[in-house]
Structures are given as C-alpha cells and as structure tokens.
C-alpha cells in the first residue's frame, strides 16, 4: 500500500520535513511561496492530509475541490483559518498545537506590555533619529507596571500565564473577564479576580487580550470599549487580528484617549492599518509571540505528530473537531 500524500503548505524546519517523509509522500514548500486559495486547492486536490499555518484558509469551497483530504494539522494554537463547521460536515479532521507555546507566548505578552508601558519603541526611534542631546525629568516618562491593575480578557492557558507573571513577579492586582469563570484553585494560583468586562475596562491600568477569534469576539474592543478605558491605560493584543477594531484604536491613540498600545496581531495581516503606522504611542510586532526556535520547532513537531497518529489509526493528539469518517477513493 502506498503512503498517504500530504502537503506542507509553508516552509518548516528541514528536520520536520525529513521526519514526515518517513511516513508520507510529501510535497513541501521550502521556498515559502504564498499561494492563492485556488493555487492551494490545486495543490491539495490529490492530498490526503496537510500541515498548515494560519495563512491557509480551509473552507467549504476548498473542501469540495479536495475530495481526498482527511486531516489538516494547523501549526498554531488558533484555528480561525478553519471553517470548522464545513470541515466537520465534510468529514475532515482539524488539529492545532496547544500547550507547547503557552509559556513562550505569555513571556512575549508580558514583554509587549512592558515595552508599551515604558515607551521603549518610541524612545528608541527618538535615539536612532539623533534627537537625544540632553536629559530631562519627563523624557519618555511612561506608566508604572509593578503594583498596578492588570486586566486580562481571555483567561485560557496563555492568559493564566500572563496573570501569574503579573501577580507573582510584579505584584500586580490581576482582574480578568472570560466566557466562564475559572475554578477557585486556578484563580488562587493566578491571584486573579473575576470581574465584568465593563469593570475591567474602567479600572485596569493595563488591558491584555488573549481570547480566541470567533464571530462573537469580533471587535471585542471597539470605539465604545476604548472610551471606557482610563486615558492613562495601555492595551496589548496578542490574541488575533479582528479582536480589536484597528481603525478605532488608531483614532484613540492619535487623540490620546488611551496612553498607548502594543500589538502583535492585526486585522487583515500582514497588512497593517495605516493609522497605526502614523502614531508614535504604539509598539508593533509582526505576529511573533510564539517565535522562539524551541517553541516553533515544538509546534511543527506536534503538527507532524498529529498527522502521523491520525494515519497510524491512533487518532489525532490535539483535535479541534469530531468529524464523521470521510469516504475517499483508494490511493493510487
């Protein structure tokens, strides 16, 4: 019997490609070509599985064009690039890579908070432009972090990691809002208190967004929410683009209705709203919260292991849906 055919949609570590080649007929993309939806569908038409990133949209039209496809393993904890209802109805398994990136992403979230509060990017640009010629008492005076109130919207694994860093490392008063309240033991571990979204926005000195993107969470932070925040507050988004109304945020930053923002994700990325590029009081990074060598390798290996376990008959390690069995033509 021939090996299943898989597509690795984007460039990954060469050792991961080599490992997958022991189990599958692999078409890789080490040139890292970005393919259109039609080009992706054409590549997947004769494939049994795929290893994808957040840039590959798996939707109903693609599934119709790819009748052999049985599993798509996302190299990300998020999977808003999946039309999960369509995949489930079509009998296509989806998987993600939770846990392996939790601590690294929490590290970055807190680093972005610190850089935003302490005006790191703004002051570096000032220095690089050759404008620093004397000291002054208020030069790039930013916001305190230690001992302030940290508000977290989305209290999953990463949100809990940020809460622990704030409470235990910086003595912050941590409040959170989530779809459901954490168990008392987890709240105690994080030293976090559940509050309404309105109270969080109204009282937090630093607001961090770590919730998954869904239709319900679209523009969780828009003009109305920004108006509820303190003018001295900061906003950090390491969740997904679309959680924040980037146009409304750019206007709020320009008008100094909040002090600053730190963003790792954007609506329509890799495009960035031009208004965000024009204001000084924002720290911008290109979706790199999980970007350490060790973590990205762990993510790629988990995606690969999901493919291997699925085709070995053991079942996926980290499924995100429970599809019916897809009937496919025999391999040739």
Protein backbone atom coordinates (compact mmCIF):
# COMPACT_ATOMS: atom_id res chain seq x y z
CA UNK A 1 0.00 0.00 0.00
CA UNK A 2 1.35 3.43 -0.94
CA UNK A 3 1.99 6.06 1.67
CA UNK A 4 -0.61 8.80 2.20
CA UNK A 5 0.08 12.03 0.38
CA UNK A 6 0.46 15.24 2.37
CA UNK A 7 1.17 18.87 1.60
CA UNK A 8 3.33 21.02 3.88
CA UNK A 9 1.83 24.37 2.96
CA UNK A 10 4.61 26.66 4.19
CA UNK A 11 8.33 26.35 4.92
CA UNK A 12 9.14 24.48 8.13
CA UNK A 13 12.26 23.12 9.82
CA UNK A 14 14.07 20.72 7.43
CA UNK A 15 14.18 18.02 10.10
CA UNK A 16 10.38 18.08 10.28
CA UNK A 17 10.12 17.60 6.51
CA UNK A 18 12.59 14.71 6.75
CA UNK A 19 10.63 13.11 9.60
CA UNK A 20 7.34 13.35 7.73
CA UNK A 21 8.97 11.89 4.62
CA UNK A 22 9.48 8.62 6.51
CA UNK A 23 5.69 8.26 6.81
CA UNK A 24 4.21 10.07 3.81
CA UNK A 25 4.63 11.12 0.23
CA UNK A 26 5.44 14.74 0.97
CA UNK A 27 5.07 17.84 -1.17
CA UNK A 28 6.84 20.60 0.73
CA UNK A 29 7.14 24.33 0.18
CA UNK A 30 10.58 25.22 1.48
CA UNK A 31 10.61 28.21 -0.87
CA UNK A 32 7.74 29.50 1.31
CA UNK A 33 5.58 30.55 -1.64
CA UNK A 34 2.33 32.22 -0.56
CA UNK A 35 -0.42 30.59 -2.60
CA UNK A 36 -3.83 31.93 -3.53
CA UNK A 37 -6.91 29.95 -2.45
CA UNK A 38 -7.17 28.48 -5.96
CA UNK A 39 -3.50 27.51 -6.01
CA UNK A 40 -3.76 25.94 -2.56
CA UNK A 41 -6.82 23.93 -3.63
CA UNK A 42 -4.96 22.71 -6.72
CA UNK A 43 -2.03 21.55 -4.58
CA UNK A 44 -4.37 19.77 -2.16
CA UNK A 45 -6.60 18.13 -4.76
CA UNK A 46 -4.72 14.82 -4.64
CA UNK A 47 -3.60 15.01 -0.99
CA UNK A 48 -4.82 13.01 2.00
CA UNK A 49 -3.54 15.47 4.59
CA UNK A 50 -1.93 18.85 5.09
CA UNK A 51 0.25 20.72 7.55
CA UNK A 52 -0.87 24.34 7.50
CA UNK A 53 -0.27 27.67 9.21
CA UNK A 54 -2.75 30.44 9.94
CA UNK A 55 -2.29 31.82 6.41
CA UNK A 56 -4.06 28.90 4.69
CA UNK A 57 -7.86 29.16 4.70
CA UNK A 58 -9.61 25.78 4.79
CA UNK A 59 -13.20 26.46 3.80
CA UNK A 60 -16.14 24.83 2.08
CA UNK A 61 -15.06 25.63 -1.48
CA UNK A 62 -11.60 24.19 -0.91
CA UNK A 63 -13.04 21.04 0.66
CA UNK A 64 -15.30 20.47 -2.34
CA UNK A 65 -12.27 20.74 -4.62
CA UNK A 66 -10.21 18.35 -2.47
CA UNK A 67 -12.25 15.16 -2.00
CA UNK A 68 -9.29 13.10 -0.77
CA UNK A 69 -8.42 15.41 2.12
CA UNK A 70 -8.93 13.80 5.53
CA UNK A 71 -6.91 15.88 8.00
CA UNK A 72 -5.46 19.38 8.28
CA UNK A 73 -2.91 19.91 11.05
CA UNK A 74 -2.51 23.58 11.91
CA UNK A 75 0.88 24.72 13.20
CA UNK A 76 -0.78 27.18 15.60
CA UNK A 77 -2.90 27.12 18.72
CA UNK A 78 -5.53 29.23 16.95
CA UNK A 79 -7.53 27.85 14.07
CA UNK A 80 -9.70 30.70 12.84
CA UNK A 81 -8.36 29.87 9.36
CA UNK A 82 -10.53 26.73 9.57
CA UNK A 83 -14.21 26.76 8.66
CA UNK A 84 -14.74 24.19 11.36
CA UNK A 85 -18.40 23.54 10.57
CA UNK A 86 -17.59 22.86 6.92
CA UNK A 87 -14.67 20.60 7.85
CA UNK A 88 -16.77 18.62 10.32
CA UNK A 89 -19.60 18.22 7.82
CA UNK A 90 -17.13 17.10 5.15
CA UNK A 91 -15.51 14.55 7.47
CA UNK A 92 -12.16 16.37 7.65
CA UNK A 93 -10.22 16.30 10.90
CA UNK A 94 -8.68 19.52 12.18
CA UNK A 95 -5.90 19.76 14.78
CA UNK A 96 -3.94 22.54 16.46
CA UNK A 97 -0.85 22.92 18.67
CA UNK A 98 -1.89 23.95 22.19
CA UNK A 99 0.28 23.88 25.35
CA UNK A 100 3.68 23.83 23.62
CA UNK A 101 3.60 27.62 23.09
CA UNK A 102 1.87 28.73 26.29
CA UNK A 103 4.83 29.94 28.33
CA UNK A 104 6.73 31.45 25.40
CA UNK A 105 3.66 33.41 24.29
CA UNK A 106 2.96 34.55 27.85
CA UNK A 107 6.58 35.75 28.07
CA UNK A 108 6.12 37.79 24.93
CA UNK A 109 2.77 39.17 26.03
CA UNK A 110 4.34 40.50 29.18
CA UNK A 111 7.36 41.83 27.25
CA UNK A 112 4.98 43.69 24.93
CA UNK A 113 3.12 45.10 27.94
CA UNK A 114 6.42 46.34 29.41
CA UNK A 115 7.57 47.86 26.13
CA UNK A 116 4.23 49.61 25.69
CA UNK A 117 4.01 50.97 29.23
CA UNK A 118 7.63 52.17 29.30
CA UNK A 119 7.60 53.65 25.76
CA UNK A 120 10.52 51.51 24.61
CA UNK A 121 9.87 51.71 20.86
CA UNK A 122 9.06 55.42 20.90
CA UNK A 123 12.25 56.25 22.80
CA UNK A 124 14.41 54.03 20.57
CA UNK A 125 13.14 55.80 17.45
CA UNK A 126 13.99 59.13 19.12
CA UNK A 127 17.52 57.96 19.89
CA UNK A 128 18.12 56.48 16.43
CA UNK A 129 17.00 59.73 14.83
CA UNK A 130 19.82 61.53 16.64
CA UNK A 131 17.44 63.69 18.67
CA UNK A 132 18.76 62.76 22.14
CA UNK A 133 21.05 65.54 23.30
CA UNK A 134 20.16 66.08 26.97
CA UNK A 135 18.36 64.57 29.96
CA UNK A 136 15.04 65.92 31.22
CA UNK A 137 12.85 64.83 34.11
CA UNK A 138 9.88 63.87 31.92
CA UNK A 139 11.68 62.45 28.89
CA UNK A 140 9.63 59.41 27.81
CA UNK A 141 8.14 59.07 31.27
CA UNK A 142 5.79 56.12 30.92
CA UNK A 143 3.37 54.19 33.10
CA UNK A 144 4.17 52.08 36.14
CA UNK A 145 3.79 48.33 35.78
CA UNK A 146 4.55 46.98 39.24
CA UNK A 147 1.71 47.37 41.71
CA UNK A 148 -0.83 48.45 39.06
CA UNK A 149 -4.02 46.71 37.93
CA UNK A 150 -3.68 44.19 35.13
CA UNK A 151 -6.88 43.31 33.28
CA UNK A 152 -6.89 40.16 31.14
CA UNK A 153 -9.67 39.38 28.67
CA UNK A 154 -9.46 35.69 27.80
CA UNK A 155 -8.23 33.56 30.67
CA UNK A 156 -7.09 30.38 28.95
CA UNK A 157 -3.63 28.90 29.39
CA UNK A 158 -1.80 31.92 27.99
CA UNK A 159 -3.94 34.40 29.92
CA UNK A 160 -3.22 32.48 33.09
CA UNK A 161 0.50 32.59 32.31
CA UNK A 162 0.37 36.38 31.96
CA UNK A 163 -1.65 36.63 35.18
CA UNK A 164 0.98 34.64 37.09
CA UNK A 165 3.77 36.82 35.77
CA UNK A 166 1.93 39.97 36.74
CA UNK A 167 0.77 38.85 40.18
CA UNK A 168 3.81 36.92 41.35
CA UNK A 169 6.55 38.81 39.52
CA UNK A 170 5.31 42.40 39.60
CA UNK A 171 2.85 42.49 42.48
CA UNK A 172 0.01 43.48 40.17
CA UNK A 173 -3.65 43.38 41.11
CA UNK A 174 -5.00 40.97 38.48
CA UNK A 175 -8.60 41.01 37.29
CA UNK A 176 -9.96 39.03 34.38
CA UNK A 177 -13.02 38.52 32.22
CA UNK A 178 -13.75 35.27 30.43
CA UNK A 179 -16.70 33.37 28.95
CA UNK A 180 -16.68 31.25 32.09
CA UNK A 181 -15.13 31.77 35.49
CA UNK A 182 -12.04 29.78 36.46
CA UNK A 183 -12.12 27.19 39.21
CA UNK A 184 -11.27 28.69 42.62
CA UNK A 185 -7.95 26.82 42.75
CA UNK A 186 -6.86 28.33 39.41
CA UNK A 187 -7.94 31.81 40.50
CA UNK A 188 -5.86 31.40 43.65
CA UNK A 189 -2.84 30.18 41.67
CA UNK A 190 -3.05 33.20 39.38
CA UNK A 191 -4.06 35.59 42.20
CA UNK A 192 -6.79 36.74 39.83
CA UNK A 193 -10.31 38.02 40.45
CA UNK A 194 -13.24 37.68 38.03
CA UNK A 195 -15.00 40.93 37.06
CA UNK A 196 -17.35 42.12 34.36
CA UNK A 197 -15.88 43.35 31.11
CA UNK A 198 -17.11 46.85 31.92
CA UNK A 199 -15.38 46.93 35.32
CA UNK A 200 -12.18 45.58 33.82
CA UNK A 201 -12.06 48.24 31.12
CA UNK A 202 -12.97 51.01 33.54
CA UNK A 203 -10.44 50.16 36.24
CA UNK A 204 -7.45 48.38 34.66
CA UNK A 205 -4.18 50.21 34.11
CA UNK A 206 -3.10 47.64 31.53
CA UNK A 207 -5.51 45.56 29.43
CA UNK A 208 -4.22 42.41 27.71
CA UNK A 209 -6.26 40.49 25.14
CA UNK A 210 -5.72 36.73 24.91
CA UNK A 211 -9.08 35.41 23.70
CA UNK A 212 -9.68 33.26 20.61
CA UNK A 213 -11.12 34.85 17.49
CA UNK A 214 -14.72 33.92 16.70
CA UNK A 215 -17.68 35.72 15.19
CA UNK A 216 -18.73 36.60 18.75
CA UNK A 217 -15.33 38.05 19.69
CA UNK A 218 -15.01 40.21 16.55
CA UNK A 219 -14.23 43.77 17.67
CA UNK A 220 -14.37 42.88 21.34
CA UNK A 221 -12.52 46.17 21.67
CA UNK A 222 -14.04 48.92 19.56
CA UNK A 223 -14.68 52.63 19.95
CA UNK A 224 -17.18 52.13 22.78
CA UNK A 225 -14.82 49.92 24.77
CA UNK A 226 -11.85 52.23 24.23
CA UNK A 227 -13.97 55.10 25.56
CA UNK A 228 -14.47 53.17 28.81
CA UNK A 229 -10.72 52.82 29.45
CA UNK A 230 -8.62 55.20 31.51
CA UNK A 231 -6.77 57.84 29.47
CA UNK A 232 -3.59 56.58 31.19
CA UNK A 233 -4.25 52.91 30.31
CA UNK A 234 -2.47 50.70 27.82
CA UNK A 235 -3.92 47.98 25.57
CA UNK A 236 -2.00 44.89 24.42
CA UNK A 237 -3.31 42.43 21.82
CA UNK A 238 -1.55 39.07 21.38
CA UNK A 239 -4.79 37.25 20.53
CA UNK A 240 -5.86 37.56 16.89
CA UNK A 241 -6.48 40.32 14.40
CA UNK A 242 -10.15 41.30 14.41
CA UNK A 243 -10.43 41.17 18.20
CA UNK A 244 -9.67 44.92 18.08
CA UNK A 245 -11.17 47.47 15.72
CA UNK A 246 -7.81 48.72 14.47
CA UNK A 247 -9.27 51.88 12.89
CA UNK A 248 -10.95 52.86 16.16
CA UNK A 249 -7.75 52.11 18.08
CA UNK A 250 -5.63 54.25 15.73
CA UNK A 251 -8.00 57.16 16.29
CA UNK A 252 -8.00 56.68 20.07
CA UNK A 253 -4.19 56.64 20.11
CA UNK A 254 -3.96 59.69 17.88
CA UNK A 255 -6.34 61.60 20.16
CA UNK A 256 -4.57 60.25 23.29
CA UNK A 257 -7.81 58.80 24.63
CA UNK A 258 -5.66 55.91 25.87
CA UNK A 259 -1.95 56.23 26.57
CA UNK A 260 -0.50 53.52 24.34
CA UNK A 261 -1.00 50.13 22.72
CA UNK A 262 1.13 47.09 21.93
CA UNK A 263 0.02 44.92 19.01
CA UNK A 264 1.35 41.62 17.71
CA UNK A 265 -1.71 40.86 15.55
CA UNK A 266 -3.74 42.92 13.11
CA UNK A 267 -6.91 42.93 11.04
CA UNK A 268 -6.06 41.71 7.55
CA UNK A 269 -2.45 40.96 8.46
CA UNK A 270 0.21 41.14 7.12
CA UNK A 271 -1.35 44.46 6.10
CA UNK A 272 -1.47 46.95 8.98
CA UNK A 273 -3.98 49.78 9.26
CA UNK A 274 -2.09 52.88 8.06
CA UNK A 275 -3.34 54.90 11.03
CA UNK A 276 -1.38 52.64 13.37
CA UNK A 277 1.81 53.36 11.45
CA UNK A 278 1.34 57.10 11.87
CA UNK A 279 1.08 57.34 15.67
CA UNK A 280 4.11 57.18 17.97
CA UNK A 281 2.41 55.66 21.01
CA UNK A 282 2.12 52.10 19.73
CA UNK A 283 4.51 49.13 19.73
CA UNK A 284 4.08 46.95 16.62
CA UNK A 285 5.45 43.43 16.11
CA UNK A 286 4.75 41.04 13.20
CA UNK A 287 2.84 38.17 14.90
CA UNK A 288 5.89 36.76 16.70
CA UNK A 289 4.55 35.95 20.18
CA UNK A 290 5.47 32.26 19.87
CA UNK A 291 8.67 32.91 17.91
CA UNK A 292 11.48 31.17 19.71
CA UNK A 293 13.35 28.39 17.93
CA UNK A 294 12.43 25.83 20.56
CA UNK A 295 8.74 26.68 20.61
CA UNK A 296 8.30 26.91 16.84
CA UNK A 297 10.04 23.54 16.49
CA UNK A 298 7.74 22.05 19.14
CA UNK A 299 4.72 23.43 17.26
CA UNK A 300 5.90 21.94 13.96
CA UNK A 301 6.63 18.58 15.61
CA UNK A 302 3.20 18.47 17.23
CA UNK A 303 1.51 19.22 13.91
CA UNK A 304 3.57 16.45 12.32
CA UNK A 305 2.75 14.05 15.15
CA UNK A 306 -0.95 14.75 14.66
CA UNK A 307 -0.66 13.69 11.03
CA UNK A 308 1.33 10.56 11.87
CA UNK A 309 -1.00 9.48 14.70
CA UNK A 310 -4.08 10.06 12.55
CA UNK A 311 -2.88 7.92 9.66
CA UNK A 312 -1.49 5.28 12.03
CA UNK A 313 -5.02 4.81 13.31
CA UNK A 314 -4.31 6.07 16.82
CA UNK A 315 -6.29 9.24 16.27
CA UNK A 316 -5.10 12.86 16.41
CA UNK A 317 -3.33 14.08 19.54
CA UNK A 318 -4.93 17.53 19.71
CA UNK A 319 -8.18 17.52 17.71
CA UNK A 320 -10.36 20.61 17.37
CA UNK A 321 -13.42 18.85 15.91
CA UNK A 322 -15.04 15.43 15.73
CA UNK A 323 -15.87 14.80 12.08
CA UNK A 324 -17.65 11.88 10.54
CA UNK A 325 -15.45 9.44 8.63
CA UNK A 326 -14.79 10.77 5.14
CA UNK A 327 -15.21 8.32 2.28
CA UNK A 328 -12.35 8.66 -0.18
CA UNK A 329 -11.11 6.96 -3.30
CA UNK A 330 -8.32 4.40 -2.79
CA UNK A 331 -4.72 5.60 -3.11
CA UNK A 332 -3.06 5.04 -6.45
